[in-house]
């Protein structure tokens, strides 16, 4: 199974910003990352007026759109009460990836780096559990895992690469 690493934090901390910086840095070091992003919002990746959108809205439970450059599968899940994280992981193509990065899903029992910006130490401790492998922050405080500089994406990327090497 592919290694899975979550980037977890309170909303507005900069998870997406950091991931946008980390992904190219990881790729430069030969790591092929995939990403699963959790959102609490109703979202639509398709564009109204496009054939795929119209066919899905006509009632297709799944629509797969493919070109030579990429493909995307949209699946309607109105009856699901909760997101099945393991099912989502199983949809990733292990042949083309070295790592699955996860944004959010802080309740899943997977390794994670917790981000801390503008929060008290007590608020961050709520996110600390046995699955946290590091904390990335813009300030210093006492934690039992490595403390990384949130404003130093190359340091965080190097930590992730070393974490991957230690796992193999």
C-alpha atoms as a PDB file:
ATOM      1  CA  UNK A   1       0.000   0.000   0.000  1.00  0.00           C
ATOM      2  CA  UNK A   2       1.167   3.516  -0.770  1.00  0.00           C
ATOM      3  CA  UNK A   3       2.343   5.695   2.103  1.00  0.00           C
ATOM      4  CA  UNK A   4      -0.308   8.197   3.146  1.00  0.00           C
ATOM      5  CA  UNK A   5       0.515  11.493   4.830  1.00  0.00           C
ATOM      6  CA  UNK A   6      -2.036  14.060   5.912  1.00  0.00           C
ATOM      7  CA  UNK A   7      -1.513  17.773   6.303  1.00  0.00           C
ATOM      8  CA  UNK A   8      -3.949  18.760   9.053  1.00  0.00           C
ATOM      9  CA  UNK A   9      -4.806  22.090  10.639  1.00  0.00           C
ATOM     10  CA  UNK A  10      -7.623  24.399  11.524  1.00  0.00           C
ATOM     11  CA  UNK A  11      -9.303  26.178   8.628  1.00  0.00           C
ATOM     12  CA  UNK A  12      -7.358  29.181   7.353  1.00  0.00           C
ATOM     13  CA  UNK A  13      -3.951  27.946   8.527  1.00  0.00           C
ATOM     14  CA  UNK A  14      -2.540  27.522   5.013  1.00  0.00           C
ATOM     15  CA  UNK A  15      -2.820  23.804   4.203  1.00  0.00           C
ATOM     16  CA  UNK A  16      -3.440  24.377   0.500  1.00  0.00           C
ATOM     17  CA  UNK A  17      -0.785  27.103   0.278  1.00  0.00           C
ATOM     18  CA  UNK A  18       1.800  24.782   1.815  1.00  0.00           C
ATOM     19  CA  UNK A  19       0.798  21.841  -0.387  1.00  0.00           C
ATOM     20  CA  UNK A  20       1.118  24.005  -3.518  1.00  0.00           C
ATOM     21  CA  UNK A  21       4.716  24.663  -2.455  1.00  0.00           C
ATOM     22  CA  UNK A  22       5.495  21.118  -1.265  1.00  0.00           C
ATOM     23  CA  UNK A  23       4.300  19.217  -4.333  1.00  0.00           C
ATOM     24  CA  UNK A  24       6.854  20.697  -6.779  1.00  0.00           C
ATOM     25  CA  UNK A  25       9.613  20.349  -4.148  1.00  0.00           C
ATOM     26  CA  UNK A  26       8.757  16.669  -3.678  1.00  0.00           C
ATOM     27  CA  UNK A  27       8.665  16.130  -7.444  1.00  0.00           C
ATOM     28  CA  UNK A  28      12.139  17.709  -7.732  1.00  0.00           C
ATOM     29  CA  UNK A  29      13.349  15.003  -5.326  1.00  0.00           C
ATOM     30  CA  UNK A  30      11.785  12.232  -7.421  1.00  0.00           C
ATOM     31  CA  UNK A  31       8.643  11.700  -5.319  1.00  0.00           C
ATOM     32  CA  UNK A  32       5.413  11.277  -7.310  1.00  0.00           C
ATOM     33  CA  UNK A  33       2.659  12.621  -5.043  1.00  0.00           C
ATOM     34  CA  UNK A  34      -1.064  12.180  -5.375  1.00  0.00           C
ATOM     35  CA  UNK A  35      -3.527  14.246  -3.379  1.00  0.00           C
ATOM     36  CA  UNK A  36      -6.916  13.787  -1.771  1.00  0.00           C
ATOM     37  CA  UNK A  37      -8.525  16.980  -0.493  1.00  0.00           C
ATOM     38  CA  UNK A  38     -11.426  17.004   1.919  1.00  0.00           C
ATOM     39  CA  UNK A  39     -13.940  19.806   1.710  1.00  0.00           C
ATOM     40  CA  UNK A  40     -16.987  20.557   3.813  1.00  0.00           C
ATOM     41  CA  UNK A  41     -18.567  22.511   0.973  1.00  0.00           C
ATOM     42  CA  UNK A  42     -20.893  21.272  -1.745  1.00  0.00           C
ATOM     43  CA  UNK A  43     -18.634  21.184  -4.762  1.00  0.00           C
ATOM     44  CA  UNK A  44     -18.833  20.528  -8.452  1.00  0.00           C
ATOM     45  CA  UNK A  45     -15.764  19.916 -10.580  1.00  0.00           C
ATOM     46  CA  UNK A  46     -17.738  19.978 -13.796  1.00  0.00           C
ATOM     47  CA  UNK A  47     -18.833  23.058 -15.743  1.00  0.00           C
ATOM     48  CA  UNK A  48     -22.510  23.803 -16.408  1.00  0.00           C
ATOM     49  CA  UNK A  49     -23.234  23.656 -20.116  1.00  0.00           C
ATOM     50  CA  UNK A  50     -20.537  21.065 -20.884  1.00  0.00           C
ATOM     51  CA  UNK A  51     -21.764  17.693 -22.190  1.00  0.00           C
ATOM     52  CA  UNK A  52     -20.369  15.804 -19.185  1.00  0.00           C
ATOM     53  CA  UNK A  53     -22.203  18.125 -16.781  1.00  0.00           C
ATOM     54  CA  UNK A  54     -25.460  17.810 -18.704  1.00  0.00           C
ATOM     55  CA  UNK A  55     -25.202  14.003 -18.849  1.00  0.00           C
ATOM     56  CA  UNK A  56     -24.506  13.764 -15.116  1.00  0.00           C
ATOM     57  CA  UNK A  57     -27.413  16.107 -14.357  1.00  0.00           C
ATOM     58  CA  UNK A  58     -29.587  13.929 -16.619  1.00  0.00           C
ATOM     59  CA  UNK A  59     -29.101  11.134 -14.086  1.00  0.00           C
ATOM     60  CA  UNK A  60     -25.844   9.280 -14.768  1.00  0.00           C
ATOM     61  CA  UNK A  61     -24.484   8.136 -11.400  1.00  0.00           C
ATOM     62  CA  UNK A  62     -20.944   8.166 -12.761  1.00  0.00           C
ATOM     63  CA  UNK A  63     -19.401  10.153 -15.588  1.00  0.00           C
ATOM     64  CA  UNK A  64     -15.832   9.607 -16.716  1.00  0.00           C
ATOM     65  CA  UNK A  65     -14.357  12.291 -18.956  1.00  0.00           C
ATOM     66  CA  UNK A  66     -11.127  11.380 -20.706  1.00  0.00           C
ATOM     67  CA  UNK A  67      -8.605  12.970 -23.023  1.00  0.00           C
ATOM     68  CA  UNK A  68      -5.026  12.134 -23.901  1.00  0.00           C
ATOM     69  CA  UNK A  69      -3.803  14.513 -21.159  1.00  0.00           C
ATOM     70  CA  UNK A  70      -6.053  13.478 -18.216  1.00  0.00           C
ATOM     71  CA  UNK A  71      -9.218  11.809 -17.107  1.00  0.00           C
ATOM     72  CA  UNK A  72     -11.675  12.536 -14.314  1.00  0.00           C
ATOM     73  CA  UNK A  73     -14.386  10.395 -12.761  1.00  0.00           C
ATOM     74  CA  UNK A  74     -17.350  12.125 -11.166  1.00  0.00           C
ATOM     75  CA  UNK A  75     -19.536   9.967  -8.956  1.00  0.00           C
ATOM     76  CA  UNK A  76     -22.811  11.061  -7.420  1.00  0.00           C
ATOM     77  CA  UNK A  77     -23.066  10.001  -3.756  1.00  0.00           C
ATOM     78  CA  UNK A  78     -26.225  11.634  -2.404  1.00  0.00           C
ATOM     79  CA  UNK A  79     -27.130   8.650  -0.212  1.00  0.00           C
ATOM     80  CA  UNK A  80     -23.750   8.377   1.519  1.00  0.00           C
ATOM     81  CA  UNK A  81     -23.841   9.512   5.122  1.00  0.00           C
ATOM     82  CA  UNK A  82     -20.071   9.832   5.407  1.00  0.00           C
ATOM     83  CA  UNK A  83     -17.029   9.846   3.181  1.00  0.00           C
ATOM     84  CA  UNK A  84     -15.397   6.419   2.924  1.00  0.00           C
ATOM     85  CA  UNK A  85     -11.725   7.366   3.204  1.00  0.00           C
ATOM     86  CA  UNK A  86     -10.445   3.855   2.399  1.00  0.00           C
ATOM     87  CA  UNK A  87     -12.585   3.762  -0.745  1.00  0.00           C
ATOM     88  CA  UNK A  88     -11.106   7.099  -1.860  1.00  0.00           C
ATOM     89  CA  UNK A  89      -7.574   5.791  -1.258  1.00  0.00           C
ATOM     90  CA  UNK A  90      -8.383   2.700  -3.323  1.00  0.00           C
ATOM     91  CA  UNK A  91      -9.251   4.918  -6.312  1.00  0.00           C
ATOM     92  CA  UNK A  92      -5.670   6.247  -6.481  1.00  0.00           C
ATOM     93  CA  UNK A  93      -3.365   4.607  -9.058  1.00  0.00           C
ATOM     94  CA  UNK A  94      -0.509   3.106  -7.025  1.00  0.00           C
ATOM     95  CA  UNK A  95       1.459   2.442 -10.232  1.00  0.00           C
ATOM     96  CA  UNK A  96       1.977   6.150 -10.848  1.00  0.00           C
ATOM     97  CA  UNK A  97       2.451   7.391  -7.268  1.00  0.00           C
ATOM     98  CA  UNK A  98       4.971   7.162  -4.435  1.00  0.00           C
ATOM     99  CA  UNK A  99       2.900   8.985  -1.820  1.00  0.00           C
ATOM    100  CA  UNK A 100      -0.678  10.063  -1.222  1.00  0.00           C
ATOM    101  CA  UNK A 101      -0.916  13.453   0.424  1.00  0.00           C
ATOM    102  CA  UNK A 102      -4.172  14.188   2.195  1.00  0.00           C
ATOM    103  CA  UNK A 103      -5.478  17.638   2.992  1.00  0.00           C
ATOM    104  CA  UNK A 104      -7.804  17.463   5.940  1.00  0.00           C
ATOM    105  CA  UNK A 105      -9.325  14.213   7.221  1.00  0.00           C
ATOM    106  CA  UNK A 106      -7.813  14.984  10.633  1.00  0.00           C
ATOM    107  CA  UNK A 107      -9.916  12.247  12.263  1.00  0.00           C
ATOM    108  CA  UNK A 108      -8.470   9.448  10.104  1.00  0.00           C
ATOM    109  CA  UNK A 109      -5.873   7.220  11.814  1.00  0.00           C
ATOM    110  CA  UNK A 110      -3.065   8.085   9.383  1.00  0.00           C
ATOM    111  CA  UNK A 111       0.327   9.771   9.777  1.00  0.00           C
ATOM    112  CA  UNK A 112       0.016  13.531   9.692  1.00  0.00           C
ATOM    113  CA  UNK A 113       1.886  16.781   9.938  1.00  0.00           C
ATOM    114  CA  UNK A 114      -0.074  19.318  11.957  1.00  0.00           C
ATOM    115  CA  UNK A 115       0.225  22.966  10.951  1.00  0.00           C
ATOM    116  CA  UNK A 116       0.099  25.693  13.573  1.00  0.00           C
ATOM    117  CA  UNK A 117      -0.233  29.393  12.846  1.00  0.00           C
ATOM    118  CA  UNK A 118      -1.842  31.992  15.126  1.00  0.00           C
ATOM    119  CA  UNK A 119      -3.132  29.409  17.586  1.00  0.00           C
ATOM    120  CA  UNK A 120      -2.462  28.866  21.221  1.00  0.00           C
ATOM    121  CA  UNK A 121      -0.482  25.847  22.347  1.00  0.00           C
ATOM    122  CA  UNK A 122      -3.625  24.447  23.986  1.00  0.00           C
ATOM    123  CA  UNK A 123      -5.582  24.635  20.706  1.00  0.00           C
ATOM    124  CA  UNK A 124      -2.831  22.783  18.845  1.00  0.00           C
ATOM    125  CA  UNK A 125      -2.613  20.081  21.502  1.00  0.00           C
ATOM    126  CA  UNK A 126      -6.191  19.125  20.553  1.00  0.00           C
ATOM    127  CA  UNK A 127      -4.810  17.960  17.172  1.00  0.00           C
ATOM    128  CA  UNK A 128      -1.835  16.080  18.645  1.00  0.00           C
ATOM    129  CA  UNK A 129      -2.255  12.332  18.889  1.00  0.00           C
ATOM    130  CA  UNK A 130      -0.241   9.176  18.197  1.00  0.00           C
ATOM    131  CA  UNK A 131      -0.542   9.715  14.414  1.00  0.00           C
ATOM    132  CA  UNK A 132       1.229  13.096  14.352  1.00  0.00           C
ATOM    133  CA  UNK A 133       4.775  12.723  13.013  1.00  0.00           C
ATOM    134  CA  UNK A 134       5.679  16.443  13.084  1.00  0.00           C
ATOM    135  CA  UNK A 135       4.327  19.913  13.758  1.00  0.00           C
ATOM    136  CA  UNK A 136       5.023  22.759  11.315  1.00  0.00           C
ATOM    137  CA  UNK A 137       4.675  26.165  12.921  1.00  0.00           C
ATOM    138  CA  UNK A 138       5.738  29.778  12.552  1.00  0.00           C
ATOM    139  CA  UNK A 139       6.696  29.872  16.226  1.00  0.00           C
ATOM    140  CA  UNK A 140       8.464  27.700  18.746  1.00  0.00           C
ATOM    141  CA  UNK A 141       6.835  25.574  21.432  1.00  0.00           C
ATOM    142  CA  UNK A 142       7.444  22.284  23.152  1.00  0.00           C
ATOM    143  CA  UNK A 143       6.187  19.163  21.359  1.00  0.00           C
ATOM    144  CA  UNK A 144       7.310  15.531  21.482  1.00  0.00           C
ATOM    145  CA  UNK A 145       7.652  15.276  17.678  1.00  0.00           C
ATOM    146  CA  UNK A 146       9.911  17.228  15.305  1.00  0.00           C
ATOM    147  CA  UNK A 147       9.025  20.923  15.096  1.00  0.00           C
ATOM    148  CA  UNK A 148       9.375  22.213  11.528  1.00  0.00           C
ATOM    149  CA  UNK A 149       9.359  25.783  10.261  1.00  0.00           C
ATOM    150  CA  UNK A 150       6.015  26.393   8.544  1.00  0.00           C
ATOM    151  CA  UNK A 151       7.668  29.145   6.479  1.00  0.00           C
ATOM    152  CA  UNK A 152      10.380  26.796   5.169  1.00  0.00           C
ATOM    153  CA  UNK A 153       8.698  24.458   2.645  1.00  0.00           C
ATOM    154  CA  UNK A 154      12.058  22.933   1.537  1.00  0.00           C
ATOM    155  CA  UNK A 155      12.689  21.845   5.147  1.00  0.00           C
ATOM    156  CA  UNK A 156       9.235  20.242   5.301  1.00  0.00           C
ATOM    157  CA  UNK A 157       9.741  18.548   1.907  1.00  0.00           C
ATOM    158  CA  UNK A 158      13.103  17.163   3.076  1.00  0.00           C
ATOM    159  CA  UNK A 159      11.429  15.865   6.238  1.00  0.00           C
ATOM    160  CA  UNK A 160       8.777  14.087   4.136  1.00  0.00           C
ATOM    161  CA  UNK A 161      11.388  12.557   1.812  1.00  0.00           C
ATOM    162  CA  UNK A 162      13.349  11.273   4.821  1.00  0.00           C
ATOM    163  CA  UNK A 163      10.135   9.938   6.377  1.00  0.00           C
ATOM    164  CA  UNK A 164       9.459   8.028   3.134  1.00  0.00           C
ATOM    165  CA  UNK A 165      13.005   6.611   3.107  1.00  0.00           C
ATOM    166  CA  UNK A 166      12.710   5.529   6.748  1.00  0.00           C
ATOM    167  CA  UNK A 167       9.492   3.635   5.905  1.00  0.00           C
ATOM    168  CA  UNK A 168      11.060   1.574   3.092  1.00  0.00           C
END
